[in-house]
Amino acid sequence: MGVVRASPNYGKSVGENYGIIAPESAPPGIPELAASALTNSRVRLKIAKAGYLILAIEMRRGGGHWAQIGVSQTAEYIDGLLPLVDGQPELREYRAQGLQKNSRVGAMSKIVSAVTVP
């Protein structure tokens, strides 16, 4: 190992290739969501976690404020909240952000939306 490090060609990539130093892990990317309406006012979110183990899921409806409605460790999340007005469709918007050690980190996903089916 000392011989490799003493080489004039030694650098970070050589050290990583020979297992002398641990490779840097790539930072997580930007999460992606896709929303689709289900029956009974539920919405399915398909999730690409982009390297995060856990994502915070936020939703807003009726032009209101964003509120965290849950967290996801899987590639799917079902929003089963009751509608604001029973029996009426409503527009719901969603976004997600990485969670690490109970803190929000990284970029927020793009906003996706679905109109619920009562």
PDB file of N, CA and C in Angstrom:
ATOM      1  N   MET A   1       0.824  -1.186   0.000  1.00  0.00           N
ATOM      2  CA  MET A   1       0.000   0.000   0.000  1.00  0.00           C
ATOM      3  C   MET A   1       0.871   1.253   0.000  1.00  0.00           C
ATOM      4  N   GLY A   2       1.958   1.245   0.762  1.00  0.00           N
ATOM      5  CA  GLY A   2       2.846   2.397   0.815  1.00  0.00           C
ATOM      6  C   GLY A   2       3.508   2.669  -0.518  1.00  0.00           C
ATOM      7  N   VAL A   3       3.783   1.602  -1.274  1.00  0.00           N
ATOM      8  CA  VAL A   3       4.407   1.762  -2.579  1.00  0.00           C
ATOM      9  C   VAL A   3       3.448   2.462  -3.538  1.00  0.00           C
ATOM     10  N   VAL A   4       2.181   2.079  -3.488  1.00  0.00           N
ATOM     11  CA  VAL A   4       1.186   2.698  -4.362  1.00  0.00           C
ATOM     12  C   VAL A   4       1.043   4.177  -4.016  1.00  0.00           C
ATOM     13  N   ARG A   5       0.968   4.491  -2.754  1.00  0.00           N
ATOM     14  CA  ARG A   5       0.818   5.898  -2.343  1.00  0.00           C
ATOM     15  C   ARG A   5       2.042   6.729  -2.704  1.00  0.00           C
ATOM     16  N   ALA A   6       3.204   6.105  -2.719  1.00  0.00           N
ATOM     17  CA  ALA A   6       4.432   6.829  -3.041  1.00  0.00           C
ATOM     18  C   ALA A   6       4.584   7.070  -4.538  1.00  0.00           C
ATOM     19  N   SER A   7       3.787   6.405  -5.343  1.00  0.00           N
ATOM     20  CA  SER A   7       3.866   6.553  -6.795  1.00  0.00           C
ATOM     21  C   SER A   7       3.525   7.983  -7.192  1.00  0.00           C
ATOM     22  N   PRO A   8       4.258   8.530  -8.195  1.00  0.00           N
ATOM     23  CA  PRO A   8       3.930   9.890  -8.643  1.00  0.00           C
ATOM     24  C   PRO A   8       2.545   9.977  -9.294  1.00  0.00           C
ATOM     25  N   ASN A   9       1.977   8.842  -9.709  1.00  0.00           N
ATOM     26  CA  ASN A   9       0.656   8.831 -10.340  1.00  0.00           C
ATOM     27  C   ASN A   9      -0.477   8.620  -9.330  1.00  0.00           C
ATOM     28  N   TYR A  10      -0.105   8.499  -8.048  1.00  0.00           N
ATOM     29  CA  TYR A  10      -1.133   8.256  -7.038  1.00  0.00           C
ATOM     30  C   TYR A  10      -2.022   9.485  -6.890  1.00  0.00           C
ATOM     31  N   GLY A  11      -3.297   9.224  -6.861  1.00  0.00           N
ATOM     32  CA  GLY A  11      -4.289  10.272  -6.630  1.00  0.00           C
ATOM     33  C   GLY A  11      -5.527   9.632  -6.025  1.00  0.00           C
ATOM     34  N   LYS A  12      -6.505  10.428  -5.818  1.00  0.00           N
ATOM     35  CA  LYS A  12      -7.742   9.960  -5.192  1.00  0.00           C
ATOM     36  C   LYS A  12      -8.353   8.782  -5.944  1.00  0.00           C
ATOM     37  N   SER A  13      -8.445   8.877  -7.275  1.00  0.00           N
ATOM     38  CA  SER A  13      -9.081   7.800  -8.044  1.00  0.00           C
ATOM     39  C   SER A  13      -8.280   6.504  -7.952  1.00  0.00           C
ATOM     40  N   VAL A  14      -6.952   6.593  -7.939  1.00  0.00           N
ATOM     41  CA  VAL A  14      -6.118   5.389  -7.789  1.00  0.00           C
ATOM     42  C   VAL A  14      -6.347   4.778  -6.408  1.00  0.00           C
ATOM     43  N   GLY A  15      -6.369   5.617  -5.398  1.00  0.00           N
ATOM     44  CA  GLY A  15      -6.616   5.127  -4.039  1.00  0.00           C
ATOM     45  C   GLY A  15      -7.963   4.431  -3.914  1.00  0.00           C
ATOM     46  N   GLU A  16      -8.989   4.999  -4.563  1.00  0.00           N
ATOM     47  CA  GLU A  16     -10.314   4.374  -4.545  1.00  0.00           C
ATOM     48  C   GLU A  16     -10.306   3.058  -5.303  1.00  0.00           C
ATOM     49  N   ASN A  17      -9.651   3.026  -6.476  1.00  0.00           N
ATOM     50  CA  ASN A  17      -9.606   1.806  -7.291  1.00  0.00           C
ATOM     51  C   ASN A  17      -8.922   0.648  -6.570  1.00  0.00           C
ATOM     52  N   TYR A  18      -7.872   0.951  -5.783  1.00  0.00           N
ATOM     53  CA  TYR A  18      -7.145  -0.099  -5.070  1.00  0.00           C
ATOM     54  C   TYR A  18      -7.687  -0.353  -3.665  1.00  0.00           C
ATOM     55  N   GLY A  19      -8.738   0.343  -3.283  1.00  0.00           N
ATOM     56  CA  GLY A  19      -9.341   0.134  -1.967  1.00  0.00           C
ATOM     57  C   GLY A  19      -8.538   0.721  -0.832  1.00  0.00           C
ATOM     58  N   ILE A  20      -7.631   1.644  -1.136  1.00  0.00           N
ATOM     59  CA  ILE A  20      -6.826   2.275  -0.095  1.00  0.00           C
ATOM     60  C   ILE A  20      -7.665   3.308   0.653  1.00  0.00           C
ATOM     61  N   ILE A  21      -8.483   4.017  -0.079  1.00  0.00           N
ATOM     62  CA  ILE A  21      -9.412   4.974   0.538  1.00  0.00           C
ATOM     63  C   ILE A  21     -10.823   4.645   0.052  1.00  0.00           C
ATOM     64  N   ALA A  22     -11.788   4.947   0.879  1.00  0.00           N
ATOM     65  CA  ALA A  22     -13.185   4.684   0.516  1.00  0.00           C
ATOM     66  C   ALA A  22     -13.629   5.674  -0.546  1.00  0.00           C
ATOM     67  N   PRO A  23     -14.384   5.191  -1.545  1.00  0.00           N
ATOM     68  CA  PRO A  23     -14.877   6.122  -2.562  1.00  0.00           C
ATOM     69  C   PRO A  23     -15.921   7.065  -1.960  1.00  0.00           C
ATOM     70  N   GLU A  24     -15.930   8.276  -2.492  1.00  0.00           N
ATOM     71  CA  GLU A  24     -16.962   9.217  -2.067  1.00  0.00           C
ATOM     72  C   GLU A  24     -18.290   8.771  -2.656  1.00  0.00           C
ATOM     73  N   SER A  25     -19.302   8.801  -1.839  1.00  0.00           N
ATOM     74  CA  SER A  25     -20.616   8.447  -2.366  1.00  0.00           C
ATOM     75  C   SER A  25     -21.219   9.676  -3.037  1.00  0.00           C
ATOM     76  N   ALA A  26     -21.936   9.417  -4.082  1.00  0.00           N
ATOM     77  CA  ALA A  26     -22.580  10.511  -4.793  1.00  0.00           C
ATOM     78  C   ALA A  26     -23.690  11.085  -3.929  1.00  0.00           C
ATOM     79  N   PRO A  27     -23.856  12.403  -3.929  1.00  0.00           N
ATOM     80  CA  PRO A  27     -24.955  12.975  -3.155  1.00  0.00           C
ATOM     81  C   PRO A  27     -26.289  12.547  -3.773  1.00  0.00           C
ATOM     82  N   PRO A  28     -27.315  12.435  -2.944  1.00  0.00           N
ATOM     83  CA  PRO A  28     -28.624  12.085  -3.493  1.00  0.00           C
ATOM     84  C   PRO A  28     -29.076  13.105  -4.528  1.00  0.00           C
ATOM     85  N   GLY A  29     -29.937  12.660  -5.428  1.00  0.00           N
ATOM     86  CA  GLY A  29     -30.460  13.535  -6.470  1.00  0.00           C
ATOM     87  C   GLY A  29     -31.751  14.203  -6.036  1.00  0.00           C
ATOM     88  N   ILE A  30     -32.568  14.542  -7.006  1.00  0.00           N
ATOM     89  CA  ILE A  30     -33.852  15.187  -6.739  1.00  0.00           C
ATOM     90  C   ILE A  30     -34.942  14.130  -6.857  1.00  0.00           C
ATOM     91  N   PRO A  31     -35.736  13.931  -5.804  1.00  0.00           N
ATOM     92  CA  PRO A  31     -36.810  12.935  -5.876  1.00  0.00           C
ATOM     93  C   PRO A  31     -37.804  13.263  -6.984  1.00  0.00           C
ATOM     94  N   GLU A  32     -38.454  12.230  -7.494  1.00  0.00           N
ATOM     95  CA  GLU A  32     -39.483  12.419  -8.520  1.00  0.00           C
ATOM     96  C   GLU A  32     -40.755  11.701  -8.095  1.00  0.00           C
ATOM     97  N   LEU A  33     -41.891  12.328  -8.382  1.00  0.00           N
ATOM     98  CA  LEU A  33     -43.199  11.759  -8.064  1.00  0.00           C
ATOM     99  C   LEU A  33     -44.056  11.690  -9.320  1.00  0.00           C
ATOM    100  N   ALA A  34     -44.978  10.735  -9.320  1.00  0.00           N
ATOM    101  CA  ALA A  34     -46.045  10.663 -10.326  1.00  0.00           C
ATOM    102  C   ALA A  34     -47.314  10.369  -9.547  1.00  0.00           C
ATOM    103  N   ALA A  35     -48.370  11.128  -9.802  1.00  0.00           N
ATOM    104  CA  ALA A  35     -49.623  10.995  -9.064  1.00  0.00           C
ATOM    105  C   ALA A  35     -50.728  10.468  -9.967  1.00  0.00           C
ATOM    106  N   SER A  36     -51.550   9.546  -9.423  1.00  0.00           N
ATOM    107  CA  SER A  36     -52.720   9.052 -10.158  1.00  0.00           C
ATOM    108  C   SER A  36     -53.871   8.855  -9.185  1.00  0.00           C
ATOM    109  N   ALA A  37     -55.052   9.267  -9.614  1.00  0.00           N
ATOM    110  CA  ALA A  37     -56.243   9.179  -8.773  1.00  0.00           C
ATOM    111  C   ALA A  37     -56.733   7.740  -8.695  1.00  0.00           C
ATOM    112  N   LEU A  38     -57.166   7.348  -7.514  1.00  0.00           N
ATOM    113  CA  LEU A  38     -57.818   6.066  -7.265  1.00  0.00           C
ATOM    114  C   LEU A  38     -59.257   6.365  -6.861  1.00  0.00           C
ATOM    115  N   THR A  39     -60.031   5.352  -6.602  1.00  0.00           N
ATOM    116  CA  THR A  39     -61.406   5.568  -6.131  1.00  0.00           C
ATOM    117  C   THR A  39     -61.396   6.023  -4.669  1.00  0.00           C
ATOM    118  N   ASN A  40     -62.545   6.467  -4.194  1.00  0.00           N
ATOM    119  CA  ASN A  40     -62.739   6.890  -2.803  1.00  0.00           C
ATOM    120  C   ASN A  40     -61.801   8.015  -2.378  1.00  0.00           C
ATOM    121  N   SER A  41     -61.525   8.924  -3.301  1.00  0.00           N
ATOM    122  CA  SER A  41     -60.717  10.125  -3.040  1.00  0.00           C
ATOM    123  C   SER A  41     -59.271   9.834  -2.654  1.00  0.00           C
ATOM    124  N   ARG A  42     -58.783   8.655  -2.985  1.00  0.00           N
ATOM    125  CA  ARG A  42     -57.387   8.315  -2.696  1.00  0.00           C
ATOM    126  C   ARG A  42     -56.519   8.651  -3.908  1.00  0.00           C
ATOM    127  N   VAL A  43     -55.231   8.901  -3.641  1.00  0.00           N
ATOM    128  CA  VAL A  43     -54.267   9.191  -4.701  1.00  0.00           C
ATOM    129  C   VAL A  43     -53.023   8.329  -4.478  1.00  0.00           C
ATOM    130  N   ARG A  44     -52.567   7.691  -5.561  1.00  0.00           N
ATOM    131  CA  ARG A  44     -51.338   6.892  -5.510  1.00  0.00           C
ATOM    132  C   ARG A  44     -50.184   7.747  -6.009  1.00  0.00           C
ATOM    133  N   LEU A  45     -49.121   7.778  -5.205  1.00  0.00           N
ATOM    134  CA  LEU A  45     -47.893   8.437  -5.623  1.00  0.00           C
ATOM    135  C   LEU A  45     -46.844   7.376  -5.907  1.00  0.00           C
ATOM    136  N   LYS A  46     -46.306   7.390  -7.116  1.00  0.00           N
ATOM    137  CA  LYS A  46     -45.158   6.547  -7.444  1.00  0.00           C
ATOM    138  C   LYS A  46     -43.941   7.411  -7.205  1.00  0.00           C
ATOM    139  N   ILE A  47     -42.938   6.828  -6.541  1.00  0.00           N
ATOM    140  CA  ILE A  47     -41.823   7.611  -6.031  1.00  0.00           C
ATOM    141  C   ILE A  47     -40.487   7.080  -6.551  1.00  0.00           C
ATOM    142  N   ALA A  48     -39.673   7.971  -7.069  1.00  0.00           N
ATOM    143  CA  ALA A  48     -38.270   7.687  -7.359  1.00  0.00           C
ATOM    144  C   ALA A  48     -37.480   8.449  -6.294  1.00  0.00           C
ATOM    145  N   LYS A  49     -36.874   7.722  -5.355  1.00  0.00           N
ATOM    146  CA  LYS A  49     -36.271   8.338  -4.179  1.00  0.00           C
ATOM    147  C   LYS A  49     -34.926   9.006  -4.432  1.00  0.00           C
ATOM    148  N   ALA A  50     -34.317   8.770  -5.574  1.00  0.00           N
ATOM    149  CA  ALA A  50     -33.090   9.469  -5.990  1.00  0.00           C
ATOM    150  C   ALA A  50     -31.939   9.327  -4.998  1.00  0.00           C
ATOM    151  N   GLY A  51     -31.845   8.188  -4.335  1.00  0.00           N
ATOM    152  CA  GLY A  51     -30.738   7.945  -3.415  1.00  0.00           C
ATOM    153  C   GLY A  51     -31.062   8.170  -1.951  1.00  0.00           C
ATOM    154  N   TYR A  52     -32.222   8.726  -1.648  1.00  0.00           N
ATOM    155  CA  TYR A  52     -32.620   8.911  -0.252  1.00  0.00           C
ATOM    156  C   TYR A  52     -33.248   7.627   0.280  1.00  0.00           C
ATOM    157  N   LEU A  53     -33.074   7.364   1.559  1.00  0.00           N
ATOM    158  CA  LEU A  53     -33.728   6.220   2.186  1.00  0.00           C
ATOM    159  C   LEU A  53     -35.166   6.563   2.558  1.00  0.00           C
ATOM    160  N   ILE A  54     -35.376   7.823   2.958  1.00  0.00           N
ATOM    161  CA  ILE A  54     -36.696   8.266   3.414  1.00  0.00           C
ATOM    162  C   ILE A  54     -37.018   9.617   2.788  1.00  0.00           C
ATOM    163  N   LEU A  55     -38.269   9.783   2.382  1.00  0.00           N
ATOM    164  CA  LEU A  55     -38.734  11.058   1.848  1.00  0.00           C
ATOM    165  C   LEU A  55     -39.899  11.577   2.679  1.00  0.00           C
ATOM    166  N   ALA A  56     -39.950  12.886   2.849  1.00  0.00           N
ATOM    167  CA  ALA A  56     -41.120  13.543   3.431  1.00  0.00           C
ATOM    168  C   ALA A  56     -42.062  13.854   2.279  1.00  0.00           C
ATOM    169  N   ILE A  57     -43.341  13.518   2.446  1.00  0.00           N
ATOM    170  CA  ILE A  57     -44.362  13.756   1.422  1.00  0.00           C
ATOM    171  C   ILE A  57     -45.247  14.903   1.887  1.00  0.00           C
ATOM    172  N   GLU A  58     -45.379  15.914   1.034  1.00  0.00           N
ATOM    173  CA  GLU A  58     -46.238  17.051   1.346  1.00  0.00           C
ATOM    174  C   GLU A  58     -47.376  17.132   0.344  1.00  0.00           C
ATOM    175  N   MET A  59     -48.501  17.715   0.783  1.00  0.00           N
ATOM    176  CA  MET A  59     -49.668  17.870  -0.083  1.00  0.00           C
ATOM    177  C   MET A  59     -50.322  19.210   0.230  1.00  0.00           C
ATOM    178  N   ARG A  60     -50.949  19.773  -0.794  1.00  0.00           N
ATOM    179  CA  ARG A  60     -51.818  20.933  -0.578  1.00  0.00           C
ATOM    180  C   ARG A  60     -53.037  20.762  -1.473  1.00  0.00           C
ATOM    181  N   ARG A  61     -54.117  21.374  -1.046  1.00  0.00           N
ATOM    182  CA  ARG A  61     -55.366  21.319  -1.814  1.00  0.00           C
ATOM    183  C   ARG A  61     -56.138  22.596  -1.561  1.00  0.00           C
ATOM    184  N   GLY A  62     -56.978  22.906  -2.521  1.00  0.00           N
ATOM    185  CA  GLY A  62     -57.791  24.107  -2.372  1.00  0.00           C
ATOM    186  C   GLY A  62     -56.977  25.376  -2.301  1.00  0.00           C
ATOM    187  N   GLY A  63     -55.779  25.382  -2.876  1.00  0.00           N
ATOM    188  CA  GLY A  63     -54.939  26.575  -2.850  1.00  0.00           C
ATOM    189  C   GLY A  63     -54.376  26.894  -1.480  1.00  0.00           C
ATOM    190  N   GLY A  64     -54.483  25.948  -0.567  1.00  0.00           N
ATOM    191  CA  GLY A  64     -54.020  26.175   0.801  1.00  0.00           C
ATOM    192  C   GLY A  64     -52.517  26.057   0.954  1.00  0.00           C
ATOM    193  N   HIS A  65     -52.110  25.835   2.168  1.00  0.00           N
ATOM    194  CA  HIS A  65     -50.700  25.732   2.512  1.00  0.00           C
ATOM    195  C   HIS A  65     -50.223  24.293   2.350  1.00  0.00           C
ATOM    196  N   TRP A  66     -48.932  24.129   2.137  1.00  0.00           N
ATOM    197  CA  TRP A  66     -48.334  22.801   2.082  1.00  0.00           C
ATOM    198  C   TRP A  66     -48.297  22.217   3.489  1.00  0.00           C
ATOM    199  N   ALA A  67     -48.584  20.924   3.594  1.00  0.00           N
ATOM    200  CA  ALA A  67     -48.534  20.217   4.873  1.00  0.00           C
ATOM    201  C   ALA A  67     -47.944  18.832   4.648  1.00  0.00           C
ATOM    202  N   GLN A  68     -47.070  18.434   5.556  1.00  0.00           N
ATOM    203  CA  GLN A  68     -46.521  17.081   5.453  1.00  0.00           C
ATOM    204  C   GLN A  68     -47.612  16.090   5.823  1.00  0.00           C
ATOM    205  N   ILE A  69     -47.860  15.131   4.933  1.00  0.00           N
ATOM    206  CA  ILE A  69     -48.905  14.125   5.192  1.00  0.00           C
ATOM    207  C   ILE A  69     -48.318  12.763   5.504  1.00  0.00           C
ATOM    208  N   GLY A  70     -47.005  12.625   5.387  1.00  0.00           N
ATOM    209  CA  GLY A  70     -46.392  11.346   5.704  1.00  0.00           C
ATOM    210  C   GLY A  70     -44.949  11.287   5.264  1.00  0.00           C
ATOM    211  N   VAL A  71     -44.370  10.112   5.467  1.00  0.00           N
ATOM    212  CA  VAL A  71     -43.020   9.813   4.998  1.00  0.00           C
ATOM    213  C   VAL A  71     -43.086   8.493   4.239  1.00  0.00           C
ATOM    214  N   SER A  72     -42.122   8.292   3.353  1.00  0.00           N
ATOM    215  CA  SER A  72     -42.109   7.057   2.592  1.00  0.00           C
ATOM    216  C   SER A  72     -40.709   6.486   2.514  1.00  0.00           C
ATOM    217  N   GLN A  73     -40.624   5.181   2.716  1.00  0.00           N
ATOM    218  CA  GLN A  73     -39.386   4.439   2.529  1.00  0.00           C
ATOM    219  C   GLN A  73     -39.507   3.527   1.314  1.00  0.00           C
ATOM    220  N   THR A  74     -40.635   3.579   0.637  1.00  0.00           N
ATOM    221  CA  THR A  74     -40.892   2.679  -0.478  1.00  0.00           C
ATOM    222  C   THR A  74     -41.136   3.469  -1.761  1.00  0.00           C
ATOM    223  N   ALA A  75     -41.379   2.757  -2.832  1.00  0.00           N
ATOM    224  CA  ALA A  75     -41.577   3.387  -4.150  1.00  0.00           C
ATOM    225  C   ALA A  75     -43.033   3.770  -4.394  1.00  0.00           C
ATOM    226  N   GLU A  76     -43.880   3.664  -3.364  1.00  0.00           N
ATOM    227  CA  GLU A  76     -45.285   4.025  -3.522  1.00  0.00           C
ATOM    228  C   GLU A  76     -45.819   4.571  -2.206  1.00  0.00           C
ATOM    229  N   TYR A  77     -46.692   5.553  -2.324  1.00  0.00           N
ATOM    230  CA  TYR A  77     -47.369   6.122  -1.158  1.00  0.00           C
ATOM    231  C   TYR A  77     -48.819   6.340  -1.552  1.00  0.00           C
ATOM    232  N   ILE A  78     -49.746   5.947  -0.682  1.00  0.00           N
ATOM    233  CA  ILE A  78     -51.175   6.154  -0.936  1.00  0.00           C
ATOM    234  C   ILE A  78     -51.684   7.236   0.013  1.00  0.00           C
ATOM    235  N   ASP A  79     -52.196   8.314  -0.581  1.00  0.00           N
ATOM    236  CA  ASP A  79     -52.837   9.384   0.185  1.00  0.00           C
ATOM    237  C   ASP A  79     -54.300   9.000   0.345  1.00  0.00           C
ATOM    238  N   GLY A  80     -54.688   8.686   1.559  1.00  0.00           N
ATOM    239  CA  GLY A  80     -56.060   8.283   1.834  1.00  0.00           C
ATOM    240  C   GLY A  80     -56.847   9.310   2.621  1.00  0.00           C
ATOM    241  N   LEU A  81     -56.409  10.573   2.590  1.00  0.00           N
ATOM    242  CA  LEU A  81     -57.123  11.606   3.340  1.00  0.00           C
ATOM    243  C   LEU A  81     -58.531  11.814   2.785  1.00  0.00           C
ATOM    244  N   LEU A  82     -59.447  12.129   3.668  1.00  0.00           N
ATOM    245  CA  LEU A  82     -60.817  12.414   3.263  1.00  0.00           C
ATOM    246  C   LEU A  82     -60.860  13.737   2.499  1.00  0.00           C
ATOM    247  N   PRO A  83     -61.792  13.885   1.572  1.00  0.00           N
ATOM    248  CA  PRO A  83     -61.884  15.141   0.814  1.00  0.00           C
ATOM    249  C   PRO A  83     -62.366  16.288   1.703  1.00  0.00           C
ATOM    250  N   LEU A  84     -62.076  17.517   1.273  1.00  0.00           N
ATOM    251  CA  LEU A  84     -62.553  18.684   2.013  1.00  0.00           C
ATOM    252  C   LEU A  84     -64.072  18.760   1.989  1.00  0.00           C
ATOM    253  N   VAL A  85     -64.677  18.403   0.834  1.00  0.00           N
ATOM    254  CA  VAL A  85     -66.134  18.373   0.687  1.00  0.00           C
ATOM    255  C   VAL A  85     -66.507  16.957   0.270  1.00  0.00           C
ATOM    256  N   ASP A  86     -67.260  16.282   1.115  1.00  0.00           N
ATOM    257  CA  ASP A  86     -67.619  14.890   0.867  1.00  0.00           C
ATOM    258  C   ASP A  86     -68.313  14.717  -0.494  1.00  0.00           C
ATOM    259  N   GLY A  87     -67.860  13.720  -1.247  1.00  0.00           N
ATOM    260  CA  GLY A  87     -68.484  13.402  -2.523  1.00  0.00           C
ATOM    261  C   GLY A  87     -68.064  14.279  -3.685  1.00  0.00           C
ATOM    262  N   GLN A  88     -67.151  15.232  -3.461  1.00  0.00           N
ATOM    263  CA  GLN A  88     -66.715  16.138  -4.518  1.00  0.00           C
ATOM    264  C   GLN A  88     -65.262  15.859  -4.901  1.00  0.00           C
ATOM    265  N   PRO A  89     -64.948  15.925  -6.201  1.00  0.00           N
ATOM    266  CA  PRO A  89     -63.539  15.798  -6.602  1.00  0.00           C
ATOM    267  C   PRO A  89     -62.775  17.035  -6.150  1.00  0.00           C
ATOM    268  N   GLU A  90     -61.468  16.882  -5.954  1.00  0.00           N
ATOM    269  CA  GLU A  90     -60.637  18.024  -5.592  1.00  0.00           C
ATOM    270  C   GLU A  90     -59.248  17.857  -6.190  1.00  0.00           C
ATOM    271  N   LEU A  91     -58.622  18.978  -6.460  1.00  0.00           N
ATOM    272  CA  LEU A  91     -57.262  18.986  -6.972  1.00  0.00           C
ATOM    273  C   LEU A  91     -56.307  18.889  -5.788  1.00  0.00           C
ATOM    274  N   ARG A  92     -55.411  17.907  -5.847  1.00  0.00           N
ATOM    275  CA  ARG A  92     -54.383  17.761  -4.820  1.00  0.00           C
ATOM    276  C   ARG A  92     -53.024  17.864  -5.485  1.00  0.00           C
ATOM    277  N   GLU A  93     -52.137  18.606  -4.840  1.00  0.00           N
ATOM    278  CA  GLU A  93     -50.774  18.764  -5.339  1.00  0.00           C
ATOM    279  C   GLU A  93     -49.814  18.134  -4.324  1.00  0.00           C
ATOM    280  N   TYR A  94     -48.734  17.560  -4.849  1.00  0.00           N
ATOM    281  CA  TYR A  94     -47.780  16.841  -4.005  1.00  0.00           C
ATOM    282  C   TYR A  94     -46.355  17.230  -4.354  1.00  0.00           C
ATOM    283  N   ARG A  95     -45.492  17.125  -3.359  1.00  0.00           N
ATOM    284  CA  ARG A  95     -44.053  17.278  -3.553  1.00  0.00           C
ATOM    285  C   ARG A  95     -43.348  16.472  -2.464  1.00  0.00           C
ATOM    286  N   ALA A  96     -42.069  16.213  -2.665  1.00  0.00           N
ATOM    287  CA  ALA A  96     -41.316  15.397  -1.713  1.00  0.00           C
ATOM    288  C   ALA A  96     -39.917  15.968  -1.538  1.00  0.00           C
ATOM    289  N   GLN A  97     -39.337  15.661  -0.372  1.00  0.00           N
ATOM    290  CA  GLN A  97     -37.979  16.096  -0.067  1.00  0.00           C
ATOM    291  C   GLN A  97     -37.319  15.033   0.794  1.00  0.00           C
ATOM    292  N   GLY A  98     -36.010  14.900   0.657  1.00  0.00           N
ATOM    293  CA  GLY A  98     -35.272  13.908   1.428  1.00  0.00           C
ATOM    294  C   GLY A  98     -35.295  14.190   2.923  1.00  0.00           C
ATOM    295  N   LEU A  99     -35.212  13.103   3.703  1.00  0.00           N
ATOM    296  CA  LEU A  99     -35.113  13.193   5.163  1.00  0.00           C
ATOM    297  C   LEU A  99     -33.867  12.438   5.605  1.00  0.00           C
ATOM    298  N   GLN A 100     -33.050  13.090   6.402  1.00  0.00           N
ATOM    299  CA  GLN A 100     -31.892  12.446   7.002  1.00  0.00           C
ATOM    300  C   GLN A 100     -31.801  12.910   8.437  1.00  0.00           C
ATOM    301  N   LYS A 101     -31.762  11.975   9.371  1.00  0.00           N
ATOM    302  CA  LYS A 101     -31.678  12.297  10.801  1.00  0.00           C
ATOM    303  C   LYS A 101     -32.769  13.280  11.215  1.00  0.00           C
ATOM    304  N   ASN A 102     -33.994  13.033  10.745  1.00  0.00           N
ATOM    305  CA  ASN A 102     -35.172  13.847  11.066  1.00  0.00           C
ATOM    306  C   ASN A 102     -35.097  15.284  10.578  1.00  0.00           C
ATOM    307  N   SER A 103     -34.216  15.561   9.625  1.00  0.00           N
ATOM    308  CA  SER A 103     -34.118  16.898   9.045  1.00  0.00           C
ATOM    309  C   SER A 103     -34.346  16.824   7.544  1.00  0.00           C
ATOM    310  N   ARG A 104     -35.000  17.829   7.002  1.00  0.00           N
ATOM    311  CA  ARG A 104     -35.206  17.927   5.555  1.00  0.00           C
ATOM    312  C   ARG A 104     -33.891  18.284   4.897  1.00  0.00           C
ATOM    313  N   VAL A 105     -33.560  17.603   3.819  1.00  0.00           N
ATOM    314  CA  VAL A 105     -32.312  17.866   3.107  1.00  0.00           C
ATOM    315  C   VAL A 105     -32.543  17.786   1.603  1.00  0.00           C
ATOM    316  N   GLY A 106     -31.701  18.457   0.863  1.00  0.00           N
ATOM    317  CA  GLY A 106     -31.728  18.363  -0.591  1.00  0.00           C
ATOM    318  C   GLY A 106     -32.855  19.153  -1.216  1.00  0.00           C
ATOM    319  N   ALA A 107     -32.894  19.017  -2.532  1.00  0.00           N
ATOM    320  CA  ALA A 107     -33.880  19.760  -3.321  1.00  0.00           C
ATOM    321  C   ALA A 107     -35.265  19.133  -3.216  1.00  0.00           C
ATOM    322  N   MET A 108     -36.265  19.975  -3.315  1.00  0.00           N
ATOM    323  CA  MET A 108     -37.656  19.538  -3.339  1.00  0.00           C
ATOM    324  C   MET A 108     -37.966  18.995  -4.735  1.00  0.00           C
ATOM    325  N   SER A 109     -38.797  17.976  -4.791  1.00  0.00           N
ATOM    326  CA  SER A 109     -39.211  17.436  -6.096  1.00  0.00           C
ATOM    327  C   SER A 109     -40.077  18.458  -6.825  1.00  0.00           C
ATOM    328  N   LYS A 110     -40.284  18.219  -8.098  1.00  0.00           N
ATOM    329  CA  LYS A 110     -41.260  19.017  -8.849  1.00  0.00           C
ATOM    330  C   LYS A 110     -42.644  18.703  -8.301  1.00  0.00           C
ATOM    331  N   ILE A 111     -43.546  19.646  -8.442  1.00  0.00           N
ATOM    332  CA  ILE A 111     -44.922  19.474  -7.972  1.00  0.00           C
ATOM    333  C   ILE A 111     -45.689  18.642  -9.001  1.00  0.00           C
ATOM    334  N   VAL A 112     -46.413  17.630  -8.494  1.00  0.00           N
ATOM    335  CA  VAL A 112     -47.310  16.833  -9.340  1.00  0.00           C
ATOM    336  C   VAL A 112     -48.715  16.963  -8.776  1.00  0.00           C
ATOM    337  N   SER A 113     -49.721  16.680  -9.602  1.00  0.00           N
ATOM    338  CA  SER A 113     -51.092  16.842  -9.127  1.00  0.00           C
ATOM    339  C   SER A 113     -51.988  15.729  -9.649  1.00  0.00           C
ATOM    340  N   ALA A 114     -53.120  15.602  -8.978  1.00  0.00           N
ATOM    341  CA  ALA A 114     -54.162  14.652  -9.387  1.00  0.00           C
ATOM    342  C   ALA A 114     -55.493  15.211  -8.917  1.00  0.00           C
ATOM    343  N   VAL A 115     -56.541  14.917  -9.683  1.00  0.00           N
ATOM    344  CA  VAL A 115     -57.898  15.261  -9.272  1.00  0.00           C
ATOM    345  C   VAL A 115     -58.534  13.994  -8.729  1.00  0.00           C
ATOM    346  N   THR A 116     -59.008  14.071  -7.496  1.00  0.00           N
ATOM    347  CA  THR A 116     -59.552  12.877  -6.851  1.00  0.00           C
ATOM    348  C   THR A 116     -60.871  12.438  -7.498  1.00  0.00           C
ATOM    349  N   VAL A 117     -61.169  11.153  -7.314  1.00  0.00           N
ATOM    350  CA  VAL A 117     -62.414  10.544  -7.784  1.00  0.00           C
ATOM    351  C   VAL A 117     -63.188  10.117  -6.543  1.00  0.00           C
ATOM    352  N   PRO A 118     -64.343  10.768  -6.269  1.00  0.00           N
ATOM    353  CA  PRO A 118     -65.106  10.423  -5.061  1.00  0.00           C
ATOM    354  C   PRO A 118     -65.556   8.963  -5.052  1.00  0.00           C
TER     355      PRO A 118
END
